[in-house]
């Protein structure tokens, strides 16, 4: 009766085909490319501020927060040498990491960042779709993490933007932008590719990772700073 009435009134009922197209499914198990140094051998190209340069030059490798089993933060978690599982629903993307058995929850239902939230290791992340690309915006990150193993630093003003786009059955294009005006004179962008995890026969896709259980090197850490 609704369709007939619509026709009699001179307009057509909305067609199901006009609804928004389904979003690409990012679900699956993925390898994260290990990026121990975001400078990628081009340290002279890093867009430091004087404060950022000084922080990097004066860092000490023995102070690496992950050496003390602290969470790696964002973006470092996304360039660690351990796999991740993505679970995508209609309102969120869950990232389940083998590294320290931790997770990220990115809401994609249109909500804004939490107001007045305390800064944390992993920050506050929200996502929105731009066509077939999921854009993840992360703020409220504390300054107790490093960007990478090499010791590039950041402040509490760090703002991270990530873009994920499914490029095939076995790949996701991943772009990350580090925006921190305290440490870097302009946004620092990287691109890489996530690939499908091929699990080892007889083992689960994600293994158990207990950092404190196996953290036997803390007492043996040696300073890398000159003169120490």
N, C-alpha and C. Protein backbone atom coordinates (compact mmCIF):
# COMPACT_ATOMS: atom_id res chain seq x y z
N UNK A 1 0.82 -1.21 0.00
CA UNK A 1 0.00 0.00 0.00
C UNK A 1 0.86 1.26 0.00
N UNK A 2 2.02 1.22 0.69
CA UNK A 2 2.89 2.39 0.74
C UNK A 2 3.39 2.76 -0.65
N UNK A 3 3.82 1.75 -1.42
CA UNK A 3 4.32 2.01 -2.77
C UNK A 3 3.23 2.57 -3.65
N UNK A 4 1.97 2.04 -3.54
CA UNK A 4 0.86 2.54 -4.34
C UNK A 4 0.55 3.97 -3.99
N UNK A 5 0.49 4.25 -2.67
CA UNK A 5 0.18 5.60 -2.23
C UNK A 5 1.23 6.58 -2.72
N UNK A 6 2.50 6.18 -2.68
CA UNK A 6 3.57 7.05 -3.14
C UNK A 6 3.41 7.37 -4.61
N UNK A 7 3.01 6.34 -5.39
CA UNK A 7 2.81 6.56 -6.82
C UNK A 7 1.67 7.51 -7.09
N UNK A 8 0.57 7.37 -6.33
CA UNK A 8 -0.58 8.24 -6.52
C UNK A 8 -0.26 9.69 -6.19
N UNK A 9 0.68 9.90 -5.23
CA UNK A 9 1.05 11.26 -4.83
C UNK A 9 2.11 11.85 -5.73
N UNK A 10 2.60 11.08 -6.70
CA UNK A 10 3.53 11.63 -7.67
C UNK A 10 4.99 11.53 -7.29
N UNK A 11 5.34 10.71 -6.27
CA UNK A 11 6.76 10.52 -5.98
C UNK A 11 6.99 9.06 -5.65
N UNK A 12 8.22 8.66 -5.78
CA UNK A 12 8.57 7.25 -5.56
C UNK A 12 9.17 7.08 -4.16
N UNK A 13 8.93 5.92 -3.55
CA UNK A 13 9.53 5.61 -2.26
C UNK A 13 11.03 5.43 -2.43
N UNK A 14 11.85 5.80 -1.43
CA UNK A 14 13.31 5.64 -1.53
C UNK A 14 13.66 4.19 -1.83
N UNK A 15 14.57 4.00 -2.75
CA UNK A 15 15.00 2.66 -3.11
C UNK A 15 16.14 2.22 -2.23
N UNK A 16 16.19 0.91 -1.93
CA UNK A 16 17.25 0.38 -1.08
C UNK A 16 18.61 0.60 -1.72
N UNK A 17 18.63 0.64 -3.06
CA UNK A 17 19.90 0.81 -3.76
C UNK A 17 20.52 2.16 -3.51
N UNK A 18 19.70 3.14 -3.04
CA UNK A 18 20.23 4.47 -2.81
C UNK A 18 20.87 4.62 -1.43
N UNK A 19 20.82 3.58 -0.62
CA UNK A 19 21.42 3.65 0.70
C UNK A 19 22.94 3.67 0.56
N UNK A 20 23.61 4.09 1.63
CA UNK A 20 25.06 4.21 1.59
C UNK A 20 25.70 2.85 1.32
N UNK A 21 26.73 2.81 0.48
CA UNK A 21 27.38 1.54 0.17
C UNK A 21 28.09 1.00 1.40
N UNK A 22 28.22 -0.32 1.51
CA UNK A 22 28.91 -0.90 2.67
C UNK A 22 30.37 -0.49 2.69
N UNK A 23 30.90 -0.33 3.88
CA UNK A 23 32.30 0.05 4.03
C UNK A 23 33.20 -1.16 3.82
N UNK A 24 34.40 -0.95 3.31
CA UNK A 24 35.33 -2.07 3.17
C UNK A 24 35.59 -2.72 4.52
N UNK A 25 35.70 -4.03 4.53
CA UNK A 25 35.93 -4.77 5.77
C UNK A 25 37.43 -4.92 6.01
N UNK A 26 37.91 -4.35 7.11
CA UNK A 26 39.33 -4.42 7.46
C UNK A 26 39.63 -5.61 8.37
N UNK A 27 38.62 -6.41 8.69
CA UNK A 27 38.79 -7.51 9.62
C UNK A 27 39.82 -8.52 9.12
N UNK A 28 40.50 -9.14 10.06
CA UNK A 28 41.48 -10.17 9.73
C UNK A 28 42.70 -10.07 10.61
N UNK A 29 43.64 -10.97 10.36
CA UNK A 29 44.92 -10.97 11.07
C UNK A 29 45.98 -10.34 10.16
N UNK A 30 46.74 -9.38 10.71
CA UNK A 30 47.65 -8.61 9.88
C UNK A 30 49.04 -8.52 10.51
N UNK A 31 50.05 -8.54 9.63
CA UNK A 31 51.42 -8.25 10.05
C UNK A 31 51.62 -6.74 10.07
N UNK A 32 52.22 -6.25 11.15
CA UNK A 32 52.59 -4.83 11.24
C UNK A 32 54.07 -4.69 10.89
N UNK A 33 54.42 -3.92 9.88
CA UNK A 33 55.84 -3.77 9.52
C UNK A 33 56.62 -3.15 10.67
N UNK A 34 57.72 -3.79 11.02
CA UNK A 34 58.56 -3.27 12.10
C UNK A 34 59.34 -2.05 11.60
N UNK A 35 59.14 -0.93 12.26
CA UNK A 35 59.84 0.31 11.90
C UNK A 35 60.56 0.82 13.15
N UNK A 36 61.77 0.34 13.40
CA UNK A 36 62.48 0.76 14.62
C UNK A 36 62.95 2.20 14.59
N UNK A 37 63.07 2.77 13.39
CA UNK A 37 63.53 4.15 13.27
C UNK A 37 62.71 4.86 12.19
N UNK A 38 61.87 5.78 12.61
CA UNK A 38 61.00 6.47 11.66
C UNK A 38 61.77 7.39 10.70
N UNK A 39 63.03 7.67 11.01
CA UNK A 39 63.83 8.48 10.09
C UNK A 39 64.21 7.68 8.84
N UNK A 40 64.18 6.35 8.93
CA UNK A 40 64.46 5.48 7.78
C UNK A 40 65.79 5.83 7.11
N UNK A 41 66.80 6.09 7.94
CA UNK A 41 68.12 6.39 7.41
C UNK A 41 68.29 7.81 6.90
N UNK A 42 67.28 8.65 7.08
CA UNK A 42 67.34 10.03 6.60
C UNK A 42 67.12 10.99 7.77
N UNK A 43 67.98 10.87 8.76
CA UNK A 43 67.85 11.68 9.97
C UNK A 43 67.87 13.17 9.67
N UNK A 44 68.60 13.56 8.65
CA UNK A 44 68.68 14.98 8.31
C UNK A 44 67.39 15.52 7.71
N UNK A 45 66.45 14.61 7.38
CA UNK A 45 65.17 15.02 6.80
C UNK A 45 64.06 15.13 7.86
N UNK A 46 64.35 14.74 9.09
CA UNK A 46 63.33 14.82 10.14
C UNK A 46 63.05 16.29 10.44
N UNK A 47 61.77 16.72 10.40
CA UNK A 47 61.45 18.15 10.56
C UNK A 47 61.42 18.61 12.02
N UNK A 48 62.56 18.50 12.68
CA UNK A 48 62.64 18.86 14.09
C UNK A 48 62.39 20.34 14.34
N UNK A 49 61.86 20.64 15.50
CA UNK A 49 62.02 21.94 16.12
C UNK A 49 63.32 21.85 16.94
N UNK A 50 63.86 22.96 17.42
CA UNK A 50 65.05 22.86 18.28
C UNK A 50 64.82 21.96 19.49
N UNK A 51 63.62 22.02 20.06
CA UNK A 51 63.32 21.17 21.22
C UNK A 51 63.29 19.70 20.83
N UNK A 52 62.74 19.40 19.67
CA UNK A 52 62.68 18.02 19.21
C UNK A 52 64.05 17.45 18.92
N UNK A 53 64.90 18.26 18.29
CA UNK A 53 66.25 17.82 18.00
C UNK A 53 67.03 17.55 19.27
N UNK A 54 66.91 18.46 20.23
CA UNK A 54 67.62 18.30 21.50
C UNK A 54 67.15 17.05 22.24
N UNK A 55 65.83 16.81 22.22
CA UNK A 55 65.29 15.63 22.90
C UNK A 55 65.83 14.35 22.28
N UNK A 56 65.93 14.33 20.96
CA UNK A 56 66.43 13.12 20.30
C UNK A 56 67.92 12.92 20.55
N UNK A 57 68.71 13.99 20.38
CA UNK A 57 70.15 13.88 20.55
C UNK A 57 70.51 13.47 21.97
N UNK A 58 69.74 13.91 22.95
CA UNK A 58 70.07 13.67 24.35
C UNK A 58 69.35 12.47 24.96
N UNK A 59 68.60 11.72 24.16
CA UNK A 59 67.92 10.56 24.74
C UNK A 59 68.92 9.45 25.05
N UNK A 60 68.56 8.58 25.94
CA UNK A 60 69.42 7.46 26.34
C UNK A 60 68.65 6.16 26.08
N UNK A 61 69.22 5.27 25.31
CA UNK A 61 68.51 4.05 24.92
C UNK A 61 68.07 3.21 26.12
N UNK A 62 68.82 3.28 27.21
CA UNK A 62 68.44 2.48 28.38
C UNK A 62 67.15 2.98 29.03
N UNK A 63 66.70 4.18 28.63
CA UNK A 63 65.46 4.73 29.19
C UNK A 63 64.23 4.39 28.34
N UNK A 64 64.39 3.58 27.32
CA UNK A 64 63.27 3.20 26.47
C UNK A 64 62.11 2.71 27.34
N UNK A 65 60.95 3.38 27.28
CA UNK A 65 59.83 2.99 28.15
C UNK A 65 59.40 1.53 27.98
N UNK A 66 59.48 1.00 26.76
CA UNK A 66 59.05 -0.39 26.58
C UNK A 66 60.00 -1.36 27.25
N UNK A 67 61.24 -0.93 27.53
CA UNK A 67 62.16 -1.78 28.26
C UNK A 67 61.72 -2.01 29.69
N UNK A 68 60.81 -1.16 30.16
CA UNK A 68 60.27 -1.30 31.51
C UNK A 68 58.81 -1.78 31.47
N UNK A 69 58.42 -2.33 30.33
CA UNK A 69 57.09 -2.92 30.13
C UNK A 69 55.97 -1.88 30.17
N UNK A 70 56.28 -0.62 29.88
CA UNK A 70 55.23 0.37 29.73
C UNK A 70 54.61 0.23 28.34
N UNK A 71 53.37 0.60 28.19
CA UNK A 71 52.71 0.50 26.89
C UNK A 71 53.45 1.36 25.86
N UNK A 72 53.50 0.90 24.61
CA UNK A 72 54.28 1.62 23.60
C UNK A 72 53.65 2.91 23.12
N UNK A 73 52.34 3.06 23.27
CA UNK A 73 51.67 4.26 22.79
C UNK A 73 51.40 4.21 21.30
N UNK A 74 50.81 5.30 20.81
CA UNK A 74 50.51 5.47 19.39
C UNK A 74 51.41 6.59 18.88
N UNK A 75 52.17 6.38 17.83
CA UNK A 75 52.03 5.35 16.80
C UNK A 75 52.90 4.12 16.99
N UNK A 76 53.70 4.04 18.04
CA UNK A 76 54.69 2.96 18.12
C UNK A 76 54.05 1.58 18.09
N UNK A 77 52.88 1.42 18.67
CA UNK A 77 52.23 0.10 18.67
C UNK A 77 51.98 -0.38 17.24
N UNK A 78 51.79 0.56 16.31
CA UNK A 78 51.48 0.19 14.93
C UNK A 78 52.73 -0.11 14.09
N UNK A 79 53.90 -0.01 14.70
CA UNK A 79 55.13 -0.35 13.99
C UNK A 79 56.00 -1.28 14.82
N UNK A 80 55.33 -2.08 15.66
CA UNK A 80 56.02 -3.08 16.46
C UNK A 80 56.03 -4.41 15.70
N UNK A 81 57.01 -5.27 15.96
CA UNK A 81 57.15 -6.50 15.16
C UNK A 81 56.26 -7.65 15.62
N UNK A 82 55.01 -7.36 15.88
CA UNK A 82 54.06 -8.38 16.32
C UNK A 82 52.75 -8.20 15.56
N UNK A 83 52.02 -9.28 15.32
CA UNK A 83 50.79 -9.18 14.54
C UNK A 83 49.62 -8.59 15.32
N UNK A 84 48.55 -8.30 14.59
CA UNK A 84 47.35 -7.71 15.17
C UNK A 84 46.13 -8.32 14.51
N UNK A 85 45.04 -8.39 15.25
CA UNK A 85 43.76 -8.79 14.66
C UNK A 85 42.85 -7.57 14.63
N UNK A 86 42.24 -7.30 13.49
CA UNK A 86 41.23 -6.26 13.36
C UNK A 86 39.86 -6.93 13.39
N UNK A 87 38.98 -6.39 14.22
CA UNK A 87 37.59 -6.84 14.27
C UNK A 87 36.72 -5.63 14.00
N UNK A 88 36.02 -5.64 12.89
CA UNK A 88 35.23 -4.47 12.47
C UNK A 88 33.75 -4.74 12.65
N UNK A 89 33.06 -3.80 13.30
CA UNK A 89 31.61 -3.86 13.45
C UNK A 89 31.03 -2.61 12.79
N UNK A 90 29.75 -2.44 12.92
CA UNK A 90 29.12 -1.27 12.33
C UNK A 90 29.44 0.02 13.05
N UNK A 91 29.98 -0.06 14.25
CA UNK A 91 30.21 1.16 15.03
C UNK A 91 31.61 1.30 15.58
N UNK A 92 32.47 0.32 15.33
CA UNK A 92 33.83 0.44 15.86
C UNK A 92 34.79 -0.52 15.14
N UNK A 93 36.07 -0.20 15.26
CA UNK A 93 37.14 -1.09 14.82
C UNK A 93 37.96 -1.44 16.05
N UNK A 94 38.05 -2.73 16.34
CA UNK A 94 38.86 -3.20 17.46
C UNK A 94 40.20 -3.69 16.93
N UNK A 95 41.27 -3.25 17.54
CA UNK A 95 42.61 -3.73 17.21
C UNK A 95 43.12 -4.54 18.39
N UNK A 96 43.30 -5.82 18.18
CA UNK A 96 43.74 -6.74 19.23
C UNK A 96 45.19 -7.12 18.95
N UNK A 97 46.10 -6.64 19.78
CA UNK A 97 47.53 -6.79 19.52
C UNK A 97 48.10 -7.98 20.29
N UNK A 98 49.00 -8.70 19.61
CA UNK A 98 49.78 -9.71 20.33
C UNK A 98 50.71 -9.04 21.32
N UNK A 99 51.25 -7.88 20.95
CA UNK A 99 52.18 -7.15 21.80
C UNK A 99 51.50 -6.78 23.12
N UNK A 100 51.98 -7.39 24.21
CA UNK A 100 51.46 -7.15 25.56
C UNK A 100 49.98 -7.50 25.70
N UNK A 101 49.42 -8.23 24.72
CA UNK A 101 48.00 -8.62 24.79
C UNK A 101 47.12 -7.40 25.08
N UNK A 102 47.32 -6.35 24.31
CA UNK A 102 46.56 -5.13 24.53
C UNK A 102 45.68 -4.83 23.34
N UNK A 103 44.83 -3.82 23.46
CA UNK A 103 43.89 -3.50 22.40
C UNK A 103 43.70 -2.00 22.25
N UNK A 104 43.18 -1.63 21.08
CA UNK A 104 42.69 -0.27 20.84
C UNK A 104 41.24 -0.39 20.40
N UNK A 105 40.41 0.54 20.84
CA UNK A 105 39.01 0.58 20.46
C UNK A 105 38.76 1.91 19.75
N UNK A 106 38.47 1.83 18.45
CA UNK A 106 38.24 3.04 17.66
C UNK A 106 36.77 3.10 17.28
N UNK A 107 36.04 4.07 17.83
CA UNK A 107 34.62 4.21 17.51
C UNK A 107 34.45 4.89 16.15
N UNK A 108 33.56 4.34 15.35
CA UNK A 108 33.31 4.88 14.01
C UNK A 108 31.85 5.29 13.84
N UNK A 109 31.20 5.60 14.96
CA UNK A 109 29.77 5.94 14.92
C UNK A 109 29.50 7.43 14.91
N UNK A 110 30.53 8.22 14.64
CA UNK A 110 30.34 9.67 14.53
C UNK A 110 30.58 10.45 15.80
N UNK A 111 30.91 9.78 16.88
CA UNK A 111 31.13 10.50 18.14
C UNK A 111 32.41 11.32 18.08
N UNK A 112 32.52 12.33 18.95
CA UNK A 112 33.70 13.17 19.04
C UNK A 112 34.61 12.66 20.15
N UNK A 113 35.79 13.26 20.25
CA UNK A 113 36.69 12.89 21.33
C UNK A 113 36.05 13.20 22.68
N UNK A 114 36.42 12.44 23.68
CA UNK A 114 35.96 12.69 25.03
C UNK A 114 36.48 14.05 25.50
N UNK A 115 35.65 14.77 26.22
CA UNK A 115 36.02 16.10 26.70
C UNK A 115 36.77 16.00 28.04
N UNK A 116 37.90 16.67 28.13
CA UNK A 116 38.63 16.72 29.39
C UNK A 116 39.22 15.41 29.84
N UNK A 117 39.40 14.45 28.90
CA UNK A 117 39.93 13.15 29.28
C UNK A 117 41.41 13.26 29.64
N UNK A 118 41.84 12.50 30.64
CA UNK A 118 43.24 12.50 31.03
C UNK A 118 44.10 11.89 29.93
N UNK A 119 45.32 12.38 29.79
CA UNK A 119 46.25 11.81 28.82
C UNK A 119 46.67 10.42 29.27
N UNK A 120 46.72 9.48 28.33
CA UNK A 120 47.07 8.10 28.62
C UNK A 120 48.11 7.61 27.62
N UNK A 121 48.60 6.39 27.82
CA UNK A 121 49.60 5.83 26.93
C UNK A 121 49.05 5.65 25.52
N UNK A 122 47.81 5.20 25.39
CA UNK A 122 47.25 4.89 24.07
C UNK A 122 46.31 5.98 23.56
N UNK A 123 46.00 6.97 24.38
CA UNK A 123 45.21 8.10 23.93
C UNK A 123 43.74 7.80 23.70
N UNK A 124 43.06 8.76 23.12
CA UNK A 124 41.63 8.67 22.80
C UNK A 124 41.48 8.70 21.28
N UNK A 125 40.92 7.64 20.70
CA UNK A 125 40.84 7.51 19.24
C UNK A 125 39.40 7.46 18.76
N UNK A 126 39.12 8.20 17.70
CA UNK A 126 37.83 8.10 17.01
C UNK A 126 38.13 7.99 15.52
N UNK A 127 37.22 7.36 14.79
CA UNK A 127 37.43 7.15 13.36
C UNK A 127 36.24 7.59 12.54
N UNK A 128 36.49 7.95 11.31
CA UNK A 128 35.40 8.24 10.38
C UNK A 128 35.84 7.80 8.98
N UNK A 129 34.85 7.46 8.17
CA UNK A 129 35.12 6.98 6.83
C UNK A 129 35.12 8.12 5.83
N UNK A 130 36.18 8.18 5.04
CA UNK A 130 36.24 9.09 3.89
C UNK A 130 36.27 8.21 2.65
N UNK A 131 35.10 7.91 2.10
CA UNK A 131 35.01 6.97 1.00
C UNK A 131 35.40 5.59 1.48
N UNK A 132 36.43 4.99 0.88
CA UNK A 132 36.86 3.65 1.27
C UNK A 132 38.03 3.68 2.24
N UNK A 133 38.32 4.84 2.83
CA UNK A 133 39.46 4.99 3.74
C UNK A 133 38.97 5.31 5.15
N UNK A 134 39.43 4.53 6.12
CA UNK A 134 39.12 4.82 7.52
C UNK A 134 40.19 5.76 8.07
N UNK A 135 39.77 6.92 8.56
CA UNK A 135 40.68 7.91 9.12
C UNK A 135 40.53 7.87 10.64
N UNK A 136 41.63 7.58 11.33
CA UNK A 136 41.62 7.47 12.79
C UNK A 136 42.36 8.67 13.37
N UNK A 137 41.71 9.37 14.28
CA UNK A 137 42.25 10.57 14.90
C UNK A 137 42.50 10.28 16.39
N UNK A 138 43.74 10.44 16.84
CA UNK A 138 44.10 10.10 18.22
C UNK A 138 44.72 11.30 18.91
N UNK A 139 44.18 11.63 20.08
CA UNK A 139 44.68 12.72 20.91
C UNK A 139 44.78 12.22 22.35
N UNK A 140 45.07 13.13 23.28
CA UNK A 140 45.16 12.82 24.72
C UNK A 140 46.19 11.74 24.99
N UNK A 141 47.36 11.87 24.36
CA UNK A 141 48.47 10.94 24.58
C UNK A 141 49.45 11.55 25.58
N UNK A 142 49.88 10.75 26.55
CA UNK A 142 50.85 11.28 27.50
C UNK A 142 52.24 11.35 26.85
N UNK A 143 53.21 11.89 27.56
CA UNK A 143 54.56 12.05 27.00
C UNK A 143 55.53 11.03 27.58
N UNK A 144 55.01 9.87 27.99
CA UNK A 144 55.85 8.84 28.61
C UNK A 144 56.20 7.73 27.62
N UNK A 145 55.95 7.97 26.33
CA UNK A 145 56.30 6.99 25.32
C UNK A 145 57.25 7.62 24.30
N UNK A 146 57.85 6.77 23.47
CA UNK A 146 58.66 7.23 22.35
C UNK A 146 57.93 6.89 21.07
N UNK A 147 58.25 7.61 20.00
CA UNK A 147 57.64 7.29 18.71
C UNK A 147 58.17 6.01 18.13
N UNK A 148 59.43 5.68 18.45
CA UNK A 148 60.06 4.49 17.88
C UNK A 148 61.19 4.02 18.78
N UNK A 149 61.81 2.91 18.41
CA UNK A 149 62.92 2.36 19.19
C UNK A 149 64.13 3.27 19.16
N UNK A 150 64.30 4.00 18.06
CA UNK A 150 65.45 4.88 17.92
C UNK A 150 65.44 6.04 18.90
N UNK A 151 64.29 6.34 19.48
CA UNK A 151 64.23 7.37 20.51
C UNK A 151 63.73 8.72 20.06
N UNK A 152 62.99 8.78 18.96
CA UNK A 152 62.36 10.05 18.58
C UNK A 152 61.26 10.36 19.59
N UNK A 153 61.26 11.58 20.06
CA UNK A 153 60.41 11.96 21.19
C UNK A 153 59.14 12.68 20.74
N UNK A 154 58.23 12.87 21.68
CA UNK A 154 57.04 13.67 21.42
C UNK A 154 56.58 14.31 22.73
N UNK A 155 55.72 15.29 22.60
CA UNK A 155 55.18 15.99 23.77
C UNK A 155 53.72 15.59 23.98
N UNK A 156 53.10 16.20 24.96
CA UNK A 156 51.68 15.93 25.20
C UNK A 156 50.78 16.57 24.15
N UNK A 157 51.34 17.35 23.30
CA UNK A 157 50.55 17.94 22.21
C UNK A 157 50.50 17.03 20.98
N UNK A 158 51.04 15.84 21.11
CA UNK A 158 51.04 14.90 19.98
C UNK A 158 49.62 14.61 19.52
N UNK A 159 49.44 14.69 18.21
CA UNK A 159 48.17 14.39 17.55
C UNK A 159 48.51 13.45 16.40
N UNK A 160 47.91 12.26 16.39
CA UNK A 160 48.24 11.25 15.39
C UNK A 160 47.04 11.00 14.48
N UNK A 161 47.27 11.04 13.18
CA UNK A 161 46.22 10.75 12.20
C UNK A 161 46.65 9.53 11.39
N UNK A 162 45.80 8.51 11.37
CA UNK A 162 46.09 7.28 10.63
C UNK A 162 45.02 7.08 9.56
N UNK A 163 45.45 6.56 8.42
CA UNK A 163 44.53 6.28 7.32
C UNK A 163 44.75 4.83 6.87
N UNK A 164 43.67 4.05 6.87
CA UNK A 164 43.72 2.65 6.46
C UNK A 164 42.78 2.43 5.28
N UNK A 165 43.31 1.81 4.23
CA UNK A 165 42.51 1.55 3.02
C UNK A 165 42.80 0.15 2.51
N UNK A 166 41.77 -0.64 2.39
CA UNK A 166 41.93 -2.01 1.87
C UNK A 166 42.31 -1.93 0.40
N UNK A 167 43.46 -2.52 0.05
CA UNK A 167 43.95 -2.44 -1.32
C UNK A 167 43.92 -3.79 -2.03
N UNK A 168 43.44 -4.81 -1.36
CA UNK A 168 43.37 -6.14 -1.97
C UNK A 168 43.02 -7.15 -0.89
N UNK A 169 42.88 -8.41 -1.26
CA UNK A 169 42.52 -9.42 -0.26
C UNK A 169 43.58 -9.63 0.81
N UNK A 170 44.83 -9.25 0.51
CA UNK A 170 45.92 -9.52 1.45
C UNK A 170 46.68 -8.28 1.88
N UNK A 171 46.16 -7.09 1.60
CA UNK A 171 46.92 -5.88 1.92
C UNK A 171 46.01 -4.74 2.40
N UNK A 172 46.57 -3.92 3.27
CA UNK A 172 45.94 -2.66 3.71
C UNK A 172 47.00 -1.57 3.61
N UNK A 173 46.70 -0.52 2.86
CA UNK A 173 47.59 0.64 2.80
C UNK A 173 47.43 1.43 4.10
N UNK A 174 48.55 1.74 4.73
CA UNK A 174 48.52 2.42 6.03
C UNK A 174 49.38 3.68 5.95
N UNK A 175 48.76 4.79 6.31
CA UNK A 175 49.47 6.07 6.34
C UNK A 175 49.34 6.65 7.74
N UNK A 176 50.43 7.18 8.24
CA UNK A 176 50.42 7.75 9.58
C UNK A 176 51.05 9.14 9.54
N UNK A 177 50.42 10.09 10.22
CA UNK A 177 50.94 11.45 10.30
C UNK A 177 51.11 11.82 11.77
N UNK A 178 52.33 12.19 12.13
CA UNK A 178 52.66 12.65 13.48
C UNK A 178 52.62 14.17 13.47
N UNK A 179 51.74 14.75 14.25
CA UNK A 179 51.60 16.20 14.33
C UNK A 179 51.86 16.63 15.77
N UNK A 180 53.02 17.22 16.00
CA UNK A 180 53.42 17.65 17.34
C UNK A 180 54.23 18.93 17.19
N UNK A 181 53.60 20.10 17.32
CA UNK A 181 54.30 21.37 17.09
C UNK A 181 55.42 21.66 18.08
N UNK A 182 55.44 20.96 19.20
CA UNK A 182 56.52 21.17 20.17
C UNK A 182 57.81 20.54 19.66
N UNK A 183 57.70 19.35 19.07
CA UNK A 183 58.88 18.59 18.67
C UNK A 183 59.19 18.63 17.18
N UNK A 184 58.16 18.92 16.36
CA UNK A 184 58.36 18.86 14.91
C UNK A 184 57.75 20.10 14.25
N UNK A 185 58.51 20.71 13.37
CA UNK A 185 58.11 21.98 12.76
C UNK A 185 56.94 21.82 11.80
N UNK A 186 56.72 20.62 11.31
CA UNK A 186 55.59 20.34 10.43
C UNK A 186 55.19 18.88 10.61
N UNK A 187 53.99 18.50 10.20
CA UNK A 187 53.58 17.10 10.33
C UNK A 187 54.57 16.16 9.65
N UNK A 188 54.79 15.01 10.29
CA UNK A 188 55.76 14.01 9.82
C UNK A 188 54.97 12.79 9.36
N UNK A 189 55.02 12.50 8.06
CA UNK A 189 54.16 11.48 7.47
C UNK A 189 54.95 10.25 7.03
N UNK A 190 54.32 9.08 7.22
CA UNK A 190 54.90 7.81 6.78
C UNK A 190 53.82 6.97 6.09
N UNK A 191 54.26 6.14 5.15
CA UNK A 191 53.36 5.20 4.48
C UNK A 191 53.97 3.81 4.50
N UNK A 192 53.13 2.82 4.69
CA UNK A 192 53.59 1.44 4.67
C UNK A 192 52.43 0.52 4.33
N UNK A 193 52.68 -0.78 4.28
CA UNK A 193 51.67 -1.74 3.87
C UNK A 193 51.52 -2.83 4.93
N UNK A 194 50.28 -3.07 5.34
CA UNK A 194 49.99 -4.21 6.20
C UNK A 194 49.68 -5.40 5.32
N UNK A 195 50.19 -6.58 5.68
CA UNK A 195 49.96 -7.78 4.90
C UNK A 195 49.31 -8.86 5.76
N UNK A 196 48.61 -9.76 5.11
CA UNK A 196 47.90 -10.82 5.81
C UNK A 196 48.88 -11.72 6.57
N UNK A 197 48.53 -12.01 7.81
CA UNK A 197 49.33 -12.90 8.63
C UNK A 197 49.16 -14.34 8.16
N UNK A 198 50.26 -15.03 7.99
CA UNK A 198 50.23 -16.46 7.67
C UNK A 198 50.69 -17.20 8.92
N UNK A 199 49.76 -17.76 9.70
CA UNK A 199 50.11 -18.35 11.00
C UNK A 199 50.99 -19.58 10.86
N UNK A 200 51.75 -19.85 11.92
CA UNK A 200 52.57 -21.06 11.98
C UNK A 200 51.68 -22.25 12.31
N UNK A 201 51.75 -23.34 11.54
CA UNK A 201 50.92 -24.51 11.82
C UNK A 201 51.09 -24.99 13.26
N UNK A 202 49.98 -25.26 13.90
CA UNK A 202 50.01 -25.75 15.27
C UNK A 202 50.01 -24.67 16.33
N UNK A 203 50.07 -23.41 15.91
CA UNK A 203 50.06 -22.31 16.87
C UNK A 203 48.90 -21.37 16.56
N UNK A 204 48.38 -20.66 17.58
CA UNK A 204 47.32 -19.68 17.32
C UNK A 204 47.87 -18.48 16.57
N UNK A 205 46.96 -17.71 15.97
CA UNK A 205 47.40 -16.53 15.22
C UNK A 205 48.12 -15.53 16.12
N UNK A 206 47.59 -15.31 17.32
CA UNK A 206 48.21 -14.39 18.28
C UNK A 206 48.69 -15.18 19.48
N UNK A 207 49.96 -15.04 19.82
CA UNK A 207 50.54 -15.77 20.94
C UNK A 207 50.39 -14.96 22.23
N UNK A 208 50.61 -15.62 23.35
CA UNK A 208 50.58 -14.93 24.64
C UNK A 208 51.86 -14.13 24.83
N UNK A 209 51.70 -12.87 25.23
CA UNK A 209 52.84 -11.99 25.45
C UNK A 209 52.71 -11.39 26.84
N UNK A 210 53.56 -11.83 27.75
CA UNK A 210 53.58 -11.28 29.11
C UNK A 210 54.91 -10.59 29.31
N UNK A 211 54.92 -9.28 29.20
CA UNK A 211 56.17 -8.52 29.23
C UNK A 211 56.90 -8.69 30.56
N UNK A 212 56.21 -8.52 31.67
CA UNK A 212 56.86 -8.62 32.97
C UNK A 212 57.40 -10.02 33.24
N UNK A 213 56.72 -11.02 32.75
CA UNK A 213 57.13 -12.41 32.99
C UNK A 213 58.51 -12.69 32.37
N UNK A 214 58.80 -12.06 31.24
CA UNK A 214 60.03 -12.36 30.53
C UNK A 214 61.02 -11.19 30.50
N UNK A 215 60.74 -10.15 31.27
CA UNK A 215 61.58 -8.96 31.22
C UNK A 215 62.78 -9.13 32.15
N UNK A 216 63.82 -9.78 31.61
CA UNK A 216 64.99 -10.13 32.42
C UNK A 216 66.19 -9.23 32.19
N UNK A 217 66.04 -8.24 31.32
CA UNK A 217 67.20 -7.44 30.92
C UNK A 217 67.30 -6.09 31.63
N UNK A 218 66.29 -5.70 32.40
CA UNK A 218 66.29 -4.36 32.99
C UNK A 218 67.55 -4.09 33.78
N UNK A 219 67.98 -5.03 34.60
CA UNK A 219 69.16 -4.80 35.43
C UNK A 219 70.46 -4.76 34.64
N UNK A 220 70.38 -5.18 33.36
CA UNK A 220 71.59 -5.20 32.53
C UNK A 220 71.64 -4.06 31.51
N UNK A 221 70.65 -3.15 31.54
CA UNK A 221 70.64 -2.05 30.57
C UNK A 221 71.83 -1.13 30.76
N UNK A 222 72.43 -0.74 29.65
CA UNK A 222 73.64 0.09 29.68
C UNK A 222 73.35 1.41 28.99
N UNK A 223 73.83 2.51 29.56
CA UNK A 223 73.62 3.84 28.97
C UNK A 223 74.33 3.94 27.63
N UNK A 224 73.68 4.62 26.68
CA UNK A 224 74.29 4.88 25.37
C UNK A 224 74.74 6.32 25.24
N UNK A 225 74.59 7.10 26.28
CA UNK A 225 74.98 8.51 26.21
C UNK A 225 76.50 8.64 26.36
N UNK A 226 77.13 9.50 25.58
CA UNK A 226 78.58 9.68 25.66
C UNK A 226 79.01 10.08 27.07
N UNK A 227 80.10 9.50 27.52
CA UNK A 227 80.65 9.87 28.83
C UNK A 227 80.06 9.09 29.98
N UNK A 228 79.12 8.17 29.68
CA UNK A 228 78.53 7.39 30.79
C UNK A 228 78.99 5.95 30.72
